[in-house]
Amino acid sequence: MPSIEVKKCEPIDRALKRLKGKMEAEGIMEEVRRLLAFETPAQRTKRKARATAKRNKNRFRWTLNDRTKASEED
């Protein structure tokens, strides 16, 4: 469970925004939304395909970045 420390003189809404950001980053909000409603098999397939596409996009981006760094060093 993500936690945050509320800084001295920090507005509560700012602290809640930081907490929400952490929860989104860890995928907690997506999991809660998924568990609240029934998901059809077609929706599940689409969700998994989107997640795979996102992972592959990030993986490609970082491998491309590594290749450009290697070519700069040569």
PDB file of N, CA and C in Angstrom:
ATOM      1  N   MET A   1       0.845  -1.179   0.000  1.00  0.00           N
ATOM      2  CA  MET A   1       0.000   0.000   0.000  1.00  0.00           C
ATOM      3  C   MET A   1       0.885   1.236   0.000  1.00  0.00           C
ATOM      4  N   PRO A   2       0.715   2.131  -0.956  1.00  0.00           N
ATOM      5  CA  PRO A   2       1.546   3.338  -0.985  1.00  0.00           C
ATOM      6  C   PRO A   2       1.204   4.277   0.166  1.00  0.00           C
ATOM      7  N   SER A   3       2.207   4.951   0.628  1.00  0.00           N
ATOM      8  CA  SER A   3       1.971   5.927   1.687  1.00  0.00           C
ATOM      9  C   SER A   3       2.770   7.182   1.366  1.00  0.00           C
ATOM     10  N   ILE A   4       2.305   8.287   1.889  1.00  0.00           N
ATOM     11  CA  ILE A   4       2.996   9.553   1.708  1.00  0.00           C
ATOM     12  C   ILE A   4       3.067  10.251   3.048  1.00  0.00           C
ATOM     13  N   GLU A   5       4.027  11.117   3.188  1.00  0.00           N
ATOM     14  CA  GLU A   5       4.108  11.948   4.376  1.00  0.00           C
ATOM     15  C   GLU A   5       3.632  13.340   3.994  1.00  0.00           C
ATOM     16  N   VAL A   6       2.698  13.849   4.766  1.00  0.00           N
ATOM     17  CA  VAL A   6       2.195  15.192   4.513  1.00  0.00           C
ATOM     18  C   VAL A   6       3.221  16.168   5.070  1.00  0.00           C
ATOM     19  N   LYS A   7       3.732  17.005   4.191  1.00  0.00           N
ATOM     20  CA  LYS A   7       4.758  17.963   4.588  1.00  0.00           C
ATOM     21  C   LYS A   7       4.146  19.096   5.405  1.00  0.00           C
ATOM     22  N   LYS A   8       4.974  19.719   6.194  1.00  0.00           N
ATOM     23  CA  LYS A   8       4.504  20.822   7.020  1.00  0.00           C
ATOM     24  C   LYS A   8       3.978  21.942   6.119  1.00  0.00           C
ATOM     25  N   CYS A   9       2.830  22.461   6.442  1.00  0.00           N
ATOM     26  CA  CYS A   9       2.163  23.549   5.698  1.00  0.00           C
ATOM     27  C   CYS A   9       1.781  23.141   4.275  1.00  0.00           C
ATOM     28  N   GLU A  10       1.617  21.833   4.022  1.00  0.00           N
ATOM     29  CA  GLU A  10       1.191  21.385   2.696  1.00  0.00           C
ATOM     30  C   GLU A  10      -0.324  21.239   2.688  1.00  0.00           C
ATOM     31  N   PRO A  11      -0.995  21.764   1.678  1.00  0.00           N
ATOM     32  CA  PRO A  11      -2.447  21.608   1.604  1.00  0.00           C
ATOM     33  C   PRO A  11      -2.829  20.131   1.437  1.00  0.00           C
ATOM     34  N   ILE A  12      -3.944  19.771   2.030  1.00  0.00           N
ATOM     35  CA  ILE A  12      -4.412  18.383   1.980  1.00  0.00           C
ATOM     36  C   ILE A  12      -4.678  17.949   0.545  1.00  0.00           C
ATOM     37  N   ASP A  13      -5.240  18.843  -0.274  1.00  0.00           N
ATOM     38  CA  ASP A  13      -5.536  18.451  -1.648  1.00  0.00           C
ATOM     39  C   ASP A  13      -4.268  18.128  -2.426  1.00  0.00           C
ATOM     40  N   ARG A  14      -3.159  18.802  -2.132  1.00  0.00           N
ATOM     41  CA  ARG A  14      -1.892  18.510  -2.792  1.00  0.00           C
ATOM     42  C   ARG A  14      -1.374  17.125  -2.363  1.00  0.00           C
ATOM     43  N   ALA A  15      -1.519  16.810  -1.067  1.00  0.00           N
ATOM     44  CA  ALA A  15      -1.092  15.507  -0.552  1.00  0.00           C
ATOM     45  C   ALA A  15      -1.948  14.385  -1.158  1.00  0.00           C
ATOM     46  N   LEU A  16      -3.251  14.634  -1.275  1.00  0.00           N
ATOM     47  CA  LEU A  16      -4.122  13.634  -1.891  1.00  0.00           C
ATOM     48  C   LEU A  16      -3.761  13.412  -3.357  1.00  0.00           C
ATOM     49  N   LYS A  17      -3.383  14.478  -4.039  1.00  0.00           N
ATOM     50  CA  LYS A  17      -2.984  14.355  -5.441  1.00  0.00           C
ATOM     51  C   LYS A  17      -1.726  13.504  -5.571  1.00  0.00           C
ATOM     52  N   ARG A  18      -0.761  13.690  -4.647  1.00  0.00           N
ATOM     53  CA  ARG A  18       0.451  12.869  -4.665  1.00  0.00           C
ATOM     54  C   ARG A  18       0.121  11.409  -4.383  1.00  0.00           C
ATOM     55  N   LEU A  19      -0.792  11.167  -3.421  1.00  0.00           N
ATOM     56  CA  LEU A  19      -1.199   9.798  -3.101  1.00  0.00           C
ATOM     57  C   LEU A  19      -1.880   9.149  -4.299  1.00  0.00           C
ATOM     58  N   LYS A  20      -2.761   9.894  -4.954  1.00  0.00           N
ATOM     59  CA  LYS A  20      -3.464   9.358  -6.122  1.00  0.00           C
ATOM     60  C   LYS A  20      -2.469   9.009  -7.233  1.00  0.00           C
ATOM     61  N   GLY A  21      -1.465   9.860  -7.428  1.00  0.00           N
ATOM     62  CA  GLY A  21      -0.447   9.586  -8.431  1.00  0.00           C
ATOM     63  C   GLY A  21       0.325   8.311  -8.140  1.00  0.00           C
ATOM     64  N   LYS A  22       0.664   8.107  -6.869  1.00  0.00           N
ATOM     65  CA  LYS A  22       1.367   6.879  -6.488  1.00  0.00           C
ATOM     66  C   LYS A  22       0.498   5.654  -6.717  1.00  0.00           C
ATOM     67  N   MET A  23      -0.776   5.781  -6.369  1.00  0.00           N
ATOM     68  CA  MET A  23      -1.685   4.648  -6.540  1.00  0.00           C
ATOM     69  C   MET A  23      -1.875   4.321  -8.019  1.00  0.00           C
ATOM     70  N   GLU A  24      -1.966   5.335  -8.856  1.00  0.00           N
ATOM     71  CA  GLU A  24      -2.076   5.111 -10.302  1.00  0.00           C
ATOM     72  C   GLU A  24      -0.829   4.431 -10.836  1.00  0.00           C
ATOM     73  N   ALA A  25       0.347   4.881 -10.386  1.00  0.00           N
ATOM     74  CA  ALA A  25       1.607   4.320 -10.858  1.00  0.00           C
ATOM     75  C   ALA A  25       1.736   2.846 -10.488  1.00  0.00           C
ATOM     76  N   GLU A  26       1.233   2.467  -9.331  1.00  0.00           N
ATOM     77  CA  GLU A  26       1.312   1.078  -8.891  1.00  0.00           C
ATOM     78  C   GLU A  26       0.179   0.225  -9.433  1.00  0.00           C
ATOM     79  N   GLY A  27      -0.795   0.831 -10.090  1.00  0.00           N
ATOM     80  CA  GLY A  27      -1.877   0.084 -10.707  1.00  0.00           C
ATOM     81  C   GLY A  27      -3.002  -0.279  -9.759  1.00  0.00           C
ATOM     82  N   ILE A  28      -3.036   0.325  -8.598  1.00  0.00           N
ATOM     83  CA  ILE A  28      -4.062  -0.001  -7.613  1.00  0.00           C
ATOM     84  C   ILE A  28      -5.432   0.477  -8.078  1.00  0.00           C
ATOM     85  N   MET A  29      -5.513   1.690  -8.608  1.00  0.00           N
ATOM     86  CA  MET A  29      -6.809   2.227  -9.040  1.00  0.00           C
ATOM     87  C   MET A  29      -7.383   1.408 -10.196  1.00  0.00           C
ATOM     88  N   GLU A  30      -6.538   0.990 -11.102  1.00  0.00           N
ATOM     89  CA  GLU A  30      -7.000   0.176 -12.229  1.00  0.00           C
ATOM     90  C   GLU A  30      -7.548  -1.163 -11.727  1.00  0.00           C
ATOM     91  N   GLU A  31      -6.871  -1.742 -10.745  1.00  0.00           N
ATOM     92  CA  GLU A  31      -7.319  -3.004 -10.172  1.00  0.00           C
ATOM     93  C   GLU A  31      -8.672  -2.838  -9.477  1.00  0.00           C
ATOM     94  N   VAL A  32      -8.846  -1.752  -8.747  1.00  0.00           N
ATOM     95  CA  VAL A  32     -10.111  -1.494  -8.058  1.00  0.00           C
ATOM     96  C   VAL A  32     -11.231  -1.332  -9.076  1.00  0.00           C
ATOM     97  N   ARG A  33     -10.979  -0.563 -10.126  1.00  0.00           N
ATOM     98  CA  ARG A  33     -12.004  -0.365 -11.162  1.00  0.00           C
ATOM     99  C   ARG A  33     -12.364  -1.690 -11.819  1.00  0.00           C
ATOM    100  N   ARG A  34     -11.356  -2.509 -12.050  1.00  0.00           N
ATOM    101  CA  ARG A  34     -11.580  -3.796 -12.702  1.00  0.00           C
ATOM    102  C   ARG A  34     -12.425  -4.713 -11.824  1.00  0.00           C
ATOM    103  N   LEU A  35     -12.200  -4.679 -10.518  1.00  0.00           N
ATOM    104  CA  LEU A  35     -12.927  -5.563  -9.621  1.00  0.00           C
ATOM    105  C   LEU A  35     -14.346  -5.070  -9.320  1.00  0.00           C
ATOM    106  N   LEU A  36     -14.627  -3.791  -9.534  1.00  0.00           N
ATOM    107  CA  LEU A  36     -15.947  -3.250  -9.233  1.00  0.00           C
ATOM    108  C   LEU A  36     -17.011  -3.708 -10.225  1.00  0.00           C
ATOM    109  N   ALA A  37     -16.638  -3.956 -11.456  1.00  0.00           N
ATOM    110  CA  ALA A  37     -17.617  -4.285 -12.477  1.00  0.00           C
ATOM    111  C   ALA A  37     -17.227  -5.590 -13.169  1.00  0.00           C
ATOM    112  N   PHE A  38     -18.226  -6.304 -13.665  1.00  0.00           N
ATOM    113  CA  PHE A  38     -17.977  -7.533 -14.395  1.00  0.00           C
ATOM    114  C   PHE A  38     -17.283  -7.204 -15.714  1.00  0.00           C
ATOM    115  N   GLU A  39     -16.318  -8.028 -16.063  1.00  0.00           N
ATOM    116  CA  GLU A  39     -15.562  -7.825 -17.293  1.00  0.00           C
ATOM    117  C   GLU A  39     -15.829  -9.010 -18.220  1.00  0.00           C
ATOM    118  N   THR A  40     -16.322  -8.725 -19.413  1.00  0.00           N
ATOM    119  CA  THR A  40     -16.599  -9.794 -20.357  1.00  0.00           C
ATOM    120  C   THR A  40     -15.280 -10.340 -20.898  1.00  0.00           C
ATOM    121  N   PRO A  41     -15.283 -11.530 -21.450  1.00  0.00           N
ATOM    122  CA  PRO A  41     -14.052 -12.073 -22.025  1.00  0.00           C
ATOM    123  C   PRO A  41     -13.463 -11.187 -23.127  1.00  0.00           C
ATOM    124  N   ALA A  42     -14.322 -10.548 -23.911  1.00  0.00           N
ATOM    125  CA  ALA A  42     -13.829  -9.660 -24.968  1.00  0.00           C
ATOM    126  C   ALA A  42     -13.128  -8.446 -24.366  1.00  0.00           C
ATOM    127  N   GLN A  43     -13.701  -7.885 -23.300  1.00  0.00           N
ATOM    128  CA  GLN A  43     -13.071  -6.745 -22.629  1.00  0.00           C
ATOM    129  C   GLN A  43     -11.738  -7.147 -22.010  1.00  0.00           C
ATOM    130  N   ARG A  44     -11.682  -8.343 -21.427  1.00  0.00           N
ATOM    131  CA  ARG A  44     -10.452  -8.836 -20.818  1.00  0.00           C
ATOM    132  C   ARG A  44      -9.361  -8.984 -21.881  1.00  0.00           C
ATOM    133  N   THR A  45      -9.735  -9.518 -23.054  1.00  0.00           N
ATOM    134  CA  THR A  45      -8.771  -9.684 -24.136  1.00  0.00           C
ATOM    135  C   THR A  45      -8.237  -8.334 -24.598  1.00  0.00           C
ATOM    136  N   LYS A  46      -9.136  -7.357 -24.753  1.00  0.00           N
ATOM    137  CA  LYS A  46      -8.721  -6.019 -25.181  1.00  0.00           C
ATOM    138  C   LYS A  46      -7.806  -5.372 -24.153  1.00  0.00           C
ATOM    139  N   ARG A  47      -8.141  -5.525 -22.852  1.00  0.00           N
ATOM    140  CA  ARG A  47      -7.324  -4.933 -21.797  1.00  0.00           C
ATOM    141  C   ARG A  47      -5.922  -5.541 -21.802  1.00  0.00           C
ATOM    142  N   LYS A  48      -5.852  -6.861 -21.939  1.00  0.00           N
ATOM    143  CA  LYS A  48      -4.550  -7.520 -21.947  1.00  0.00           C
ATOM    144  C   LYS A  48      -3.752  -7.132 -23.191  1.00  0.00           C
ATOM    145  N   ALA A  49      -4.425  -6.969 -24.326  1.00  0.00           N
ATOM    146  CA  ALA A  49      -3.735  -6.562 -25.550  1.00  0.00           C
ATOM    147  C   ALA A  49      -3.185  -5.146 -25.416  1.00  0.00           C
ATOM    148  N   ARG A  50      -3.971  -4.241 -24.798  1.00  0.00           N
ATOM    149  CA  ARG A  50      -3.485  -2.882 -24.579  1.00  0.00           C
ATOM    150  C   ARG A  50      -2.275  -2.874 -23.652  1.00  0.00           C
ATOM    151  N   ALA A  51      -2.317  -3.684 -22.594  1.00  0.00           N
ATOM    152  CA  ALA A  51      -1.196  -3.745 -21.653  1.00  0.00           C
ATOM    153  C   ALA A  51       0.050  -4.294 -22.333  1.00  0.00           C
ATOM    154  N   THR A  52      -0.112  -5.302 -23.164  1.00  0.00           N
ATOM    155  CA  THR A  52       1.021  -5.873 -23.892  1.00  0.00           C
ATOM    156  C   THR A  52       1.607  -4.855 -24.864  1.00  0.00           C
ATOM    157  N   ALA A  53       0.738  -4.134 -25.564  1.00  0.00           N
ATOM    158  CA  ALA A  53       1.205  -3.121 -26.507  1.00  0.00           C
ATOM    159  C   ALA A  53       1.983  -2.028 -25.776  1.00  0.00           C
ATOM    160  N   LYS A  54       1.497  -1.637 -24.619  1.00  0.00           N
ATOM    161  CA  LYS A  54       2.178  -0.600 -23.839  1.00  0.00           C
ATOM    162  C   LYS A  54       3.545  -1.086 -23.375  1.00  0.00           C
ATOM    163  N   ARG A  55       3.609  -2.330 -22.888  1.00  0.00           N
ATOM    164  CA  ARG A  55       4.899  -2.889 -22.460  1.00  0.00           C
ATOM    165  C   ARG A  55       5.881  -2.950 -23.628  1.00  0.00           C
ATOM    166  N   ASN A  56       5.397  -3.418 -24.781  1.00  0.00           N
ATOM    167  CA  ASN A  56       6.271  -3.529 -25.950  1.00  0.00           C
ATOM    168  C   ASN A  56       6.746  -2.164 -26.432  1.00  0.00           C
ATOM    169  N   LYS A  57       5.865  -1.172 -26.350  1.00  0.00           N
ATOM    170  CA  LYS A  57       6.236   0.178 -26.768  1.00  0.00           C
ATOM    171  C   LYS A  57       7.359   0.710 -25.879  1.00  0.00           C
ATOM    172  N   ASN A  58       7.212   0.527 -24.561  1.00  0.00           N
ATOM    173  CA  ASN A  58       8.250   0.977 -23.637  1.00  0.00           C
ATOM    174  C   ASN A  58       9.540   0.194 -23.846  1.00  0.00           C
ATOM    175  N   ARG A  59       9.421  -1.098 -24.058  1.00  0.00           N
ATOM    176  CA  ARG A  59      10.599  -1.932 -24.271  1.00  0.00           C
ATOM    177  C   ARG A  59      11.344  -1.480 -25.534  1.00  0.00           C
ATOM    178  N   PHE A  60      10.605  -1.211 -26.610  1.00  0.00           N
ATOM    179  CA  PHE A  60      11.215  -0.754 -27.849  1.00  0.00           C
ATOM    180  C   PHE A  60      11.875   0.604 -27.656  1.00  0.00           C
ATOM    181  N   ARG A  61      11.210   1.476 -26.920  1.00  0.00           N
ATOM    182  CA  ARG A  61      11.745   2.814 -26.687  1.00  0.00           C
ATOM    183  C   ARG A  61      13.078   2.745 -25.971  1.00  0.00           C
ATOM    184  N   TRP A  62      13.155   1.894 -24.947  1.00  0.00           N
ATOM    185  CA  TRP A  62      14.408   1.808 -24.189  1.00  0.00           C
ATOM    186  C   TRP A  62      15.494   1.095 -24.977  1.00  0.00           C
ATOM    187  N   THR A  63      15.162   0.092 -25.785  1.00  0.00           N
ATOM    188  CA  THR A  63      16.195  -0.573 -26.581  1.00  0.00           C
ATOM    189  C   THR A  63      16.693   0.379 -27.659  1.00  0.00           C
ATOM    190  N   LEU A  64      15.801   1.194 -28.216  1.00  0.00           N
ATOM    191  CA  LEU A  64      16.207   2.180 -29.206  1.00  0.00           C
ATOM    192  C   LEU A  64      17.146   3.200 -28.571  1.00  0.00           C
ATOM    193  N   ASN A  65      16.837   3.610 -27.348  1.00  0.00           N
ATOM    194  CA  ASN A  65      17.665   4.557 -26.621  1.00  0.00           C
ATOM    195  C   ASN A  65      19.041   3.958 -26.352  1.00  0.00           C
ATOM    196  N   ASP A  66      19.111   2.675 -25.992  1.00  0.00           N
ATOM    197  CA  ASP A  66      20.384   2.010 -25.742  1.00  0.00           C
ATOM    198  C   ASP A  66      21.221   1.936 -27.023  1.00  0.00           C
ATOM    199  N   ARG A  67      20.567   1.705 -28.151  1.00  0.00           N
ATOM    200  CA  ARG A  67      21.288   1.622 -29.429  1.00  0.00           C
ATOM    201  C   ARG A  67      21.896   2.962 -29.807  1.00  0.00           C
ATOM    202  N   THR A  68      21.162   4.059 -29.572  1.00  0.00           N
ATOM    203  CA  THR A  68      21.703   5.377 -29.920  1.00  0.00           C
ATOM    204  C   THR A  68      22.868   5.732 -29.012  1.00  0.00           C
ATOM    205  N   LYS A  69      22.811   5.341 -27.755  1.00  0.00           N
ATOM    206  CA  LYS A  69      23.934   5.594 -26.849  1.00  0.00           C
ATOM    207  C   LYS A  69      25.155   4.804 -27.282  1.00  0.00           C
ATOM    208  N   ALA A  70      24.944   3.558 -27.703  1.00  0.00           N
ATOM    209  CA  ALA A  70      26.075   2.726 -28.127  1.00  0.00           C
ATOM    210  C   ALA A  70      26.717   3.297 -29.391  1.00  0.00           C
ATOM    211  N   SER A  71      25.912   3.823 -30.319  1.00  0.00           N
ATOM    212  CA  SER A  71      26.463   4.382 -31.539  1.00  0.00           C
ATOM    213  C   SER A  71      27.188   5.705 -31.265  1.00  0.00           C
ATOM    214  N   GLU A  72      26.747   6.448 -30.251  1.00  0.00           N
ATOM    215  CA  GLU A  72      27.423   7.691 -29.893  1.00  0.00           C
ATOM    216  C   GLU A  72      28.785   7.423 -29.283  1.00  0.00           C
ATOM    217  N   GLU A  73      28.917   6.313 -28.568  1.00  0.00           N
ATOM    218  CA  GLU A  73      30.173   5.990 -27.917  1.00  0.00           C
ATOM    219  C   GLU A  73      31.225   5.535 -28.922  1.00  0.00           C
ATOM    220  N   ASP A  74      30.807   4.986 -30.048  1.00  0.00           N
ATOM    221  CA  ASP A  74      31.773   4.484 -31.043  1.00  0.00           C
ATOM    222  C   ASP A  74      32.490   5.586 -31.763  1.00  0.00           C
TER     223      ASP A  74
END
